[in-house]
PDB file of N, CA and C in Angstrom:
ATOM      1  N   MET A   1      -5.883   6.048 -11.393  1.00  0.00           N
ATOM      2  CA  MET A   1      -5.643   5.360 -10.135  1.00  0.00           C
ATOM      3  C   MET A   1      -5.818   6.334  -8.993  1.00  0.00           C
ATOM      4  N   SER A   2      -6.352   5.830  -7.950  1.00  0.00           N
ATOM      5  CA  SER A   2      -6.526   6.619  -6.736  1.00  0.00           C
ATOM      6  C   SER A   2      -5.876   5.886  -5.575  1.00  0.00           C
ATOM      7  N   ILE A   3      -5.092   6.598  -4.797  1.00  0.00           N
ATOM      8  CA  ILE A   3      -4.485   6.016  -3.597  1.00  0.00           C
ATOM      9  C   ILE A   3      -4.647   7.013  -2.460  1.00  0.00           C
ATOM     10  N   ARG A   4      -5.143   6.508  -1.328  1.00  0.00           N
ATOM     11  CA  ARG A   4      -5.296   7.352  -0.134  1.00  0.00           C
ATOM     12  C   ARG A   4      -4.567   6.684   1.012  1.00  0.00           C
ATOM     13  N   ILE A   5      -3.877   7.501   1.791  1.00  0.00           N
ATOM     14  CA  ILE A   5      -3.128   7.004   2.942  1.00  0.00           C
ATOM     15  C   ILE A   5      -3.616   7.752   4.173  1.00  0.00           C
ATOM     16  N   ASN A   6      -4.061   7.008   5.168  1.00  0.00           N
ATOM     17  CA  ASN A   6      -4.515   7.611   6.427  1.00  0.00           C
ATOM     18  C   ASN A   6      -3.730   7.004   7.579  1.00  0.00           C
ATOM     19  N   GLU A   7      -3.241   7.866   8.458  1.00  0.00           N
ATOM     20  CA  GLU A   7      -2.547   7.403   9.657  1.00  0.00           C
ATOM     21  C   GLU A   7      -3.568   7.192  10.767  1.00  0.00           C
ATOM     22  N   ARG A   8      -3.444   6.097  11.474  1.00  0.00           N
ATOM     23  CA  ARG A   8      -4.301   5.778  12.607  1.00  0.00           C
ATOM     24  C   ARG A   8      -3.419   5.448  13.805  1.00  0.00           C
ATOM     25  N   ASN A   9      -3.991   5.530  14.990  1.00  0.00           N
ATOM     26  CA  ASN A   9      -3.293   5.143  16.216  1.00  0.00           C
ATOM     27  C   ASN A   9      -1.928   5.838  16.329  1.00  0.00           C
ATOM     28  N   ASP A  10      -1.934   7.166  16.189  1.00  0.00           N
ATOM     29  CA  ASP A  10      -0.710   7.968  16.280  1.00  0.00           C
ATOM     30  C   ASP A  10       0.381   7.527  15.311  1.00  0.00           C
ATOM     31  N   GLY A  11       0.000   7.133  14.108  1.00  0.00           N
ATOM     32  CA  GLY A  11       0.970   6.768  13.084  1.00  0.00           C
ATOM     33  C   GLY A  11       1.447   5.338  13.129  1.00  0.00           C
ATOM     34  N   LYS A  12       0.967   4.560  14.067  1.00  0.00           N
ATOM     35  CA  LYS A  12       1.392   3.159  14.170  1.00  0.00           C
ATOM     36  C   LYS A  12       0.667   2.265  13.162  1.00  0.00           C
ATOM     37  N   ILE A  13      -0.461   2.754  12.652  1.00  0.00           N
ATOM     38  CA  ILE A  13      -1.223   2.004  11.652  1.00  0.00           C
ATOM     39  C   ILE A  13      -1.413   2.898  10.431  1.00  0.00           C
ATOM     40  N   LEU A  14      -1.121   2.354   9.269  1.00  0.00           N
ATOM     41  CA  LEU A  14      -1.392   3.045   8.016  1.00  0.00           C
ATOM     42  C   LEU A  14      -2.528   2.326   7.309  1.00  0.00           C
ATOM     43  N   GLU A  15      -3.527   3.074   6.962  1.00  0.00           N
ATOM     44  CA  GLU A  15      -4.624   2.536   6.166  1.00  0.00           C
ATOM     45  C   GLU A  15      -4.399   3.030   4.743  1.00  0.00           C
ATOM     46  N   VAL A  16      -4.187   2.090   3.825  1.00  0.00           N
ATOM     47  CA  VAL A  16      -3.919   2.429   2.428  1.00  0.00           C
ATOM     48  C   VAL A  16      -5.080   1.908   1.593  1.00  0.00           C
ATOM     49  N   GLN A  17      -5.755   2.803   0.901  1.00  0.00           N
ATOM     50  CA  GLN A  17      -6.874   2.435   0.043  1.00  0.00           C
ATOM     51  C   GLN A  17      -6.475   2.692  -1.397  1.00  0.00           C
ATOM     52  N   VAL A  18      -6.652   1.678  -2.242  1.00  0.00           N
ATOM     53  CA  VAL A  18      -6.329   1.838  -3.655  1.00  0.00           C
ATOM     54  C   VAL A  18      -7.558   1.524  -4.499  1.00  0.00           C
ATOM     55  N   ALA A  19      -7.653   2.207  -5.619  1.00  0.00           N
ATOM     56  CA  ALA A  19      -8.719   1.955  -6.576  1.00  0.00           C
ATOM     57  C   ALA A  19      -8.117   2.044  -7.966  1.00  0.00           C
ATOM     58  N   GLY A  20      -8.528   1.154  -8.827  1.00  0.00           N
ATOM     59  CA  GLY A  20      -8.017   1.149 -10.192  1.00  0.00           C
ATOM     60  C   GLY A  20      -6.736   0.357 -10.305  1.00  0.00           C
ATOM     61  N   LYS A  21      -5.878   0.754 -11.241  1.00  0.00           N
ATOM     62  CA  LYS A  21      -4.628   0.059 -11.526  1.00  0.00           C
ATOM     63  C   LYS A  21      -3.451   0.906 -11.052  1.00  0.00           C
ATOM     64  N   LEU A  22      -2.571   0.324 -10.222  1.00  0.00           N
ATOM     65  CA  LEU A  22      -1.405   1.047  -9.713  1.00  0.00           C
ATOM     66  C   LEU A  22      -0.395   1.308 -10.816  1.00  0.00           C
ATOM     67  N   THR A  23       0.220   2.492 -10.756  1.00  0.00           N
ATOM     68  CA  THR A  23       1.262   2.874 -11.699  1.00  0.00           C
ATOM     69  C   THR A  23       2.531   3.240 -10.933  1.00  0.00           C
ATOM     70  N   GLY A  24       3.617   3.390 -11.649  1.00  0.00           N
ATOM     71  CA  GLY A  24       4.864   3.846 -11.022  1.00  0.00           C
ATOM     72  C   GLY A  24       4.688   5.194 -10.350  1.00  0.00           C
ATOM     73  N   ARG A  25       3.866   6.035 -10.922  1.00  0.00           N
ATOM     74  CA  ARG A  25       3.586   7.360 -10.340  1.00  0.00           C
ATOM     75  C   ARG A  25       2.965   7.228  -8.948  1.00  0.00           C
ATOM     76  N   ASP A  26       2.084   6.236  -8.776  1.00  0.00           N
ATOM     77  CA  ASP A  26       1.467   6.002  -7.469  1.00  0.00           C
ATOM     78  C   ASP A  26       2.517   5.629  -6.425  1.00  0.00           C
ATOM     79  N   TYR A  27       3.491   4.816  -6.809  1.00  0.00           N
ATOM     80  CA  TYR A  27       4.546   4.442  -5.878  1.00  0.00           C
ATOM     81  C   TYR A  27       5.440   5.631  -5.543  1.00  0.00           C
ATOM     82  N   ARG A  28       5.669   6.501  -6.512  1.00  0.00           N
ATOM     83  CA  ARG A  28       6.480   7.698  -6.231  1.00  0.00           C
ATOM     84  C   ARG A  28       5.777   8.611  -5.236  1.00  0.00           C
ATOM     85  N   ARG A  29       4.481   8.493  -5.115  1.00  0.00           N
ATOM     86  CA  ARG A  29       3.726   9.256  -4.121  1.00  0.00           C
ATOM     87  C   ARG A  29       3.667   8.507  -2.784  1.00  0.00           C
ATOM     88  N   PHE A  30       3.447   7.199  -2.841  1.00  0.00           N
ATOM     89  CA  PHE A  30       3.262   6.394  -1.641  1.00  0.00           C
ATOM     90  C   PHE A  30       4.557   6.181  -0.850  1.00  0.00           C
ATOM     91  N   VAL A  31       5.639   5.839  -1.532  1.00  0.00           N
ATOM     92  CA  VAL A  31       6.872   5.458  -0.837  1.00  0.00           C
ATOM     93  C   VAL A  31       7.415   6.578   0.056  1.00  0.00           C
ATOM     94  N   PRO A  32       7.531   7.826  -0.405  1.00  0.00           N
ATOM     95  CA  PRO A  32       8.018   8.877   0.506  1.00  0.00           C
ATOM     96  C   PRO A  32       7.110   9.072   1.730  1.00  0.00           C
ATOM     97  N   GLU A  33       5.810   8.940   1.532  1.00  0.00           N
ATOM     98  CA  GLU A  33       4.876   9.070   2.657  1.00  0.00           C
ATOM     99  C   GLU A  33       5.097   7.932   3.658  1.00  0.00           C
ATOM    100  N   PHE A  34       5.256   6.716   3.162  1.00  0.00           N
ATOM    101  CA  PHE A  34       5.532   5.561   4.013  1.00  0.00           C
ATOM    102  C   PHE A  34       6.845   5.765   4.769  1.00  0.00           C
ATOM    103  N   GLU A  35       7.889   6.194   4.066  1.00  0.00           N
ATOM    104  CA  GLU A  35       9.192   6.400   4.706  1.00  0.00           C
ATOM    105  C   GLU A  35       9.140   7.492   5.766  1.00  0.00           C
ATOM    106  N   ARG A  36       8.352   8.535   5.542  1.00  0.00           N
ATOM    107  CA  ARG A  36       8.178   9.585   6.543  1.00  0.00           C
ATOM    108  C   ARG A  36       7.558   9.011   7.809  1.00  0.00           C
ATOM    109  N   VAL A  37       6.541   8.171   7.653  1.00  0.00           N
ATOM    110  CA  VAL A  37       5.859   7.588   8.809  1.00  0.00           C
ATOM    111  C   VAL A  37       6.791   6.661   9.590  1.00  0.00           C
ATOM    112  N   ILE A  38       7.535   5.810   8.905  1.00  0.00           N
ATOM    113  CA  ILE A  38       8.428   4.904   9.652  1.00  0.00           C
ATOM    114  C   ILE A  38       9.587   5.664  10.296  1.00  0.00           C
ATOM    115  N   LYS A  39      10.002   6.750   9.690  1.00  0.00           N
ATOM    116  CA  LYS A  39      11.049   7.565  10.320  1.00  0.00           C
ATOM    117  C   LYS A  39      10.531   8.180  11.617  1.00  0.00           C
ATOM    118  N   GLN A  40       9.278   8.607  11.624  1.00  0.00           N
ATOM    119  CA  GLN A  40       8.685   9.219  12.817  1.00  0.00           C
ATOM    120  C   GLN A  40       8.283   8.199  13.872  1.00  0.00           C
ATOM    121  N   HIS A  41       7.778   7.034  13.454  1.00  0.00           N
ATOM    122  CA  HIS A  41       7.142   6.116  14.390  1.00  0.00           C
ATOM    123  C   HIS A  41       7.768   4.727  14.472  1.00  0.00           C
ATOM    124  N   GLY A  42       8.720   4.415  13.629  1.00  0.00           N
ATOM    125  CA  GLY A  42       9.287   3.067  13.627  1.00  0.00           C
ATOM    126  C   GLY A  42       8.388   2.101  12.870  1.00  0.00           C
ATOM    127  N   LYS A  43       8.389   0.859  13.296  1.00  0.00           N
ATOM    128  CA  LYS A  43       7.586  -0.164  12.613  1.00  0.00           C
ATOM    129  C   LYS A  43       6.114   0.218  12.593  1.00  0.00           C
ATOM    130  N   VAL A  44       5.449  -0.145  11.494  1.00  0.00           N
ATOM    131  CA  VAL A  44       4.033   0.173  11.345  1.00  0.00           C
ATOM    132  C   VAL A  44       3.244  -1.078  10.984  1.00  0.00           C
ATOM    133  N   ARG A  45       1.970  -0.979  11.225  1.00  0.00           N
ATOM    134  CA  ARG A  45       1.016  -1.979  10.764  1.00  0.00           C
ATOM    135  C   ARG A  45       0.273  -1.364   9.590  1.00  0.00           C
ATOM    136  N   ILE A  46       0.028  -2.168   8.566  1.00  0.00           N
ATOM    137  CA  ILE A  46      -0.628  -1.650   7.367  1.00  0.00           C
ATOM    138  C   ILE A  46      -1.924  -2.416   7.113  1.00  0.00           C
ATOM    139  N   LEU A  47      -2.986  -1.654   6.897  1.00  0.00           N
ATOM    140  CA  LEU A  47      -4.251  -2.205   6.429  1.00  0.00           C
ATOM    141  C   LEU A  47      -4.388  -1.746   4.985  1.00  0.00           C
ATOM    142  N   PHE A  48      -4.298  -2.686   4.072  1.00  0.00           N
ATOM    143  CA  PHE A  48      -4.311  -2.389   2.645  1.00  0.00           C
ATOM    144  C   PHE A  48      -5.688  -2.760   2.096  1.00  0.00           C
ATOM    145  N   ASP A  49      -6.509  -1.744   1.824  1.00  0.00           N
ATOM    146  CA  ASP A  49      -7.866  -1.938   1.307  1.00  0.00           C
ATOM    147  C   ASP A  49      -7.803  -2.002  -0.214  1.00  0.00           C
ATOM    148  N   MET A  50      -8.022  -3.198  -0.746  1.00  0.00           N
ATOM    149  CA  MET A  50      -7.900  -3.446  -2.180  1.00  0.00           C
ATOM    150  C   MET A  50      -9.253  -3.732  -2.825  1.00  0.00           C
ATOM    151  N   ALA A  51     -10.330  -3.267  -2.220  1.00  0.00           N
ATOM    152  CA  ALA A  51     -11.675  -3.592  -2.701  1.00  0.00           C
ATOM    153  C   ALA A  51     -11.895  -3.158  -4.152  1.00  0.00           C
ATOM    154  N   GLU A  52     -11.296  -2.049  -4.544  1.00  0.00           N
ATOM    155  CA  GLU A  52     -11.470  -1.544  -5.913  1.00  0.00           C
ATOM    156  C   GLU A  52     -10.171  -1.638  -6.727  1.00  0.00           C
ATOM    157  N   PHE A  53      -9.266  -2.505  -6.309  1.00  0.00           N
ATOM    158  CA  PHE A  53      -7.942  -2.648  -6.921  1.00  0.00           C
ATOM    159  C   PHE A  53      -8.040  -3.515  -8.180  1.00  0.00           C
ATOM    160  N   HIS A  54      -7.328  -3.082  -9.250  1.00  0.00           N
ATOM    161  CA  HIS A  54      -7.366  -3.819 -10.516  1.00  0.00           C
ATOM    162  C   HIS A  54      -5.982  -4.201 -11.024  1.00  0.00           C
ATOM    163  N   GLY A  55      -5.004  -4.283 -10.120  1.00  0.00           N
ATOM    164  CA  GLY A  55      -3.676  -4.741 -10.511  1.00  0.00           C
ATOM    165  C   GLY A  55      -2.671  -3.619 -10.688  1.00  0.00           C
ATOM    166  N   TRP A  56      -1.545  -3.975 -11.303  1.00  0.00           N
ATOM    167  CA  TRP A  56      -0.425  -3.064 -11.513  1.00  0.00           C
ATOM    168  C   TRP A  56      -0.093  -2.993 -12.995  1.00  0.00           C
ATOM    169  N   ASN A  57       0.496  -1.876 -13.416  1.00  0.00           N
ATOM    170  CA  ASN A  57       1.168  -1.902 -14.707  1.00  0.00           C
ATOM    171  C   ASN A  57       2.582  -2.420 -14.445  1.00  0.00           C
ATOM    172  N   MET A  58       3.375  -2.662 -15.474  1.00  0.00           N
ATOM    173  CA  MET A  58       4.692  -3.286 -15.287  1.00  0.00           C
ATOM    174  C   MET A  58       5.630  -2.429 -14.427  1.00  0.00           C
ATOM    175  N   ALA A  59       5.619  -1.118 -14.618  1.00  0.00           N
ATOM    176  CA  ALA A  59       6.482  -0.247 -13.814  1.00  0.00           C
ATOM    177  C   ALA A  59       6.107  -0.331 -12.346  1.00  0.00           C
ATOM    178  N   ALA A  60       4.816  -0.344 -12.055  1.00  0.00           N
ATOM    179  CA  ALA A  60       4.357  -0.416 -10.666  1.00  0.00           C
ATOM    180  C   ALA A  60       4.670  -1.774 -10.047  1.00  0.00           C
ATOM    181  N   LEU A  61       4.569  -2.838 -10.822  1.00  0.00           N
ATOM    182  CA  LEU A  61       4.909  -4.164 -10.306  1.00  0.00           C
ATOM    183  C   LEU A  61       6.374  -4.203  -9.879  1.00  0.00           C
ATOM    184  N   TRP A  62       7.247  -3.654 -10.708  1.00  0.00           N
ATOM    185  CA  TRP A  62       8.666  -3.584 -10.356  1.00  0.00           C
ATOM    186  C   TRP A  62       8.874  -2.715  -9.121  1.00  0.00           C
ATOM    187  N   ASP A  63       8.192  -1.575  -9.054  1.00  0.00           N
ATOM    188  CA  ASP A  63       8.286  -0.698  -7.875  1.00  0.00           C
ATOM    189  C   ASP A  63       7.794  -1.414  -6.619  1.00  0.00           C
ATOM    190  N   ASP A  64       6.763  -2.236  -6.753  1.00  0.00           N
ATOM    191  CA  ASP A  64       6.239  -2.985  -5.615  1.00  0.00           C
ATOM    192  C   ASP A  64       7.259  -3.994  -5.106  1.00  0.00           C
ATOM    193  N   ILE A  65       7.911  -4.681  -6.005  1.00  0.00           N
ATOM    194  CA  ILE A  65       8.939  -5.652  -5.609  1.00  0.00           C
ATOM    195  C   ILE A  65      10.081  -4.942  -4.876  1.00  0.00           C
ATOM    196  N   LYS A  66      10.547  -3.806  -5.412  1.00  0.00           N
ATOM    197  CA  LYS A  66      11.619  -3.042  -4.760  1.00  0.00           C
ATOM    198  C   LYS A  66      11.171  -2.540  -3.389  1.00  0.00           C
ATOM    199  N   PHE A  67       9.928  -2.065  -3.303  1.00  0.00           N
ATOM    200  CA  PHE A  67       9.398  -1.586  -2.023  1.00  0.00           C
ATOM    201  C   PHE A  67       9.397  -2.712  -0.994  1.00  0.00           C
ATOM    202  N   ASP A  68       8.901  -3.880  -1.390  1.00  0.00           N
ATOM    203  CA  ASP A  68       8.834  -5.016  -0.471  1.00  0.00           C
ATOM    204  C   ASP A  68      10.215  -5.388   0.060  1.00  0.00           C
ATOM    205  N   LEU A  69      11.185  -5.464  -0.819  1.00  0.00           N
ATOM    206  CA  LEU A  69      12.532  -5.842  -0.397  1.00  0.00           C
ATOM    207  C   LEU A  69      13.160  -4.814   0.534  1.00  0.00           C
ATOM    208  N   LYS A  70      12.958  -3.541   0.241  1.00  0.00           N
ATOM    209  CA  LYS A  70      13.574  -2.476   1.034  1.00  0.00           C
ATOM    210  C   LYS A  70      12.888  -2.273   2.379  1.00  0.00           C
ATOM    211  N   HIS A  71      11.562  -2.424   2.439  1.00  0.00           N
ATOM    212  CA  HIS A  71      10.815  -2.026   3.627  1.00  0.00           C
ATOM    213  C   HIS A  71      10.212  -3.184   4.428  1.00  0.00           C
ATOM    214  N   PHE A  72      10.536  -4.401   4.064  1.00  0.00           N
ATOM    215  CA  PHE A  72       9.966  -5.568   4.744  1.00  0.00           C
ATOM    216  C   PHE A  72      10.120  -5.485   6.261  1.00  0.00           C
ATOM    217  N   ALA A  73      11.283  -5.112   6.747  1.00  0.00           N
ATOM    218  CA  ALA A  73      11.546  -5.091   8.190  1.00  0.00           C
ATOM    219  C   ALA A  73      10.794  -3.973   8.913  1.00  0.00           C
ATOM    220  N   ALA A  74      10.303  -2.969   8.178  1.00  0.00           N
ATOM    221  CA  ALA A  74       9.597  -1.853   8.801  1.00  0.00           C
ATOM    222  C   ALA A  74       8.104  -2.124   8.975  1.00  0.00           C
ATOM    223  N   ILE A  75       7.647  -3.259   8.456  1.00  0.00           N
ATOM    224  CA  ILE A  75       6.224  -3.599   8.540  1.00  0.00           C
ATOM    225  C   ILE A  75       6.037  -4.645   9.640  1.00  0.00           C
ATOM    226  N   GLU A  76       5.367  -4.230  10.705  1.00  0.00           N
ATOM    227  CA  GLU A  76       5.118  -5.144  11.820  1.00  0.00           C
ATOM    228  C   GLU A  76       4.071  -6.180  11.451  1.00  0.00           C
ATOM    229  N   ARG A  77       2.978  -5.706  10.863  1.00  0.00           N
ATOM    230  CA  ARG A  77       1.899  -6.590  10.404  1.00  0.00           C
ATOM    231  C   ARG A  77       1.287  -5.984   9.154  1.00  0.00           C
ATOM    232  N   LEU A  78       0.732  -6.860   8.326  1.00  0.00           N
ATOM    233  CA  LEU A  78       0.106  -6.419   7.097  1.00  0.00           C
ATOM    234  C   LEU A  78      -1.200  -7.183   6.918  1.00  0.00           C
ATOM    235  N   ALA A  79      -2.279  -6.443   6.723  1.00  0.00           N
ATOM    236  CA  ALA A  79      -3.580  -7.053   6.443  1.00  0.00           C
ATOM    237  C   ALA A  79      -4.077  -6.509   5.111  1.00  0.00           C
ATOM    238  N   MET A  80      -4.581  -7.399   4.294  1.00  0.00           N
ATOM    239  CA  MET A  80      -5.109  -7.010   2.984  1.00  0.00           C
ATOM    240  C   MET A  80      -6.575  -7.407   2.915  1.00  0.00           C
ATOM    241  N   VAL A  81      -7.394  -6.453   2.484  1.00  0.00           N
ATOM    242  CA  VAL A  81      -8.829  -6.688   2.356  1.00  0.00           C
ATOM    243  C   VAL A  81      -9.186  -6.466   0.889  1.00  0.00           C
ATOM    244  N   ALA A  82      -9.860  -7.460   0.300  1.00  0.00           N
ATOM    245  CA  ALA A  82     -10.238  -7.360  -1.112  1.00  0.00           C
ATOM    246  C   ALA A  82     -11.595  -8.002  -1.322  1.00  0.00           C
ATOM    247  N   THR A  83     -12.144  -7.760  -2.476  1.00  0.00           N
ATOM    248  CA  THR A  83     -13.386  -8.418  -2.862  1.00  0.00           C
ATOM    249  C   THR A  83     -13.060  -9.539  -3.815  1.00  0.00           C
ATOM    250  N   LYS A  84     -13.950 -10.482  -3.912  1.00  0.00           N
ATOM    251  CA  LYS A  84     -13.787 -11.595  -4.836  1.00  0.00           C
ATOM    252  C   LYS A  84     -13.964 -11.066  -6.254  1.00  0.00           C
ATOM    253  N   SER A  85     -13.026 -11.397  -7.127  1.00  0.00           N
ATOM    254  CA  SER A  85     -13.138 -10.922  -8.508  1.00  0.00           C
ATOM    255  C   SER A  85     -13.919 -11.945  -9.335  1.00  0.00           C
ATOM    256  N   GLY A  86     -14.374 -11.506 -10.461  1.00  0.00           N
ATOM    257  CA  GLY A  86     -15.117 -12.381 -11.347  1.00  0.00           C
ATOM    258  C   GLY A  86     -16.609 -12.208 -11.183  1.00  0.00           C
ATOM    259  N   LYS A  87     -17.319 -12.784 -12.104  1.00  0.00           N
ATOM    260  CA  LYS A  87     -18.786 -12.680 -12.090  1.00  0.00           C
ATOM    261  C   LYS A  87     -19.396 -13.951 -11.503  1.00  0.00           C
ATOM    262  N   SER A  88     -20.442 -13.754 -10.765  1.00  0.00           N
ATOM    263  CA  SER A  88     -21.141 -14.927 -10.226  1.00  0.00           C
ATOM    264  C   SER A  88     -22.360 -15.217 -11.072  1.00  0.00           C
ATOM    265  N   GLY A  89     -22.834 -16.426 -10.948  1.00  0.00           N
ATOM    266  CA  GLY A  89     -24.078 -16.737 -11.615  1.00  0.00           C
ATOM    267  C   GLY A  89     -23.869 -17.576 -12.750  1.00  0.00           C
TER     268      GLY A  89
END
C-alpha cells in the first residue's frame, strides 16, 4: 500500500493519495499526520484521490470507522475522486 499526504493552501487542504489496499499500518501513519495538521490549522478540507485504491483489510476498515467518528468535526469538506471499477466491453 502506498499513501501520500500533501498539504495545500497553507495546510487548509490535505490531498491524500492512496494506492493498493489500506492496512492498519497505513492508518497508524496517516492519523498522527492528520492530527498534526488540524492542531496547527483547525478544520481542513480533504481531497481523497482513490484512483488506484483497492479497499481495506479488516484492521484498516475498523481504523477507518474509528477515524471517522473521532475526526468528523475537524473535516470542513471532503471530496473523493475514484475511477470506475470493473471491466468494460
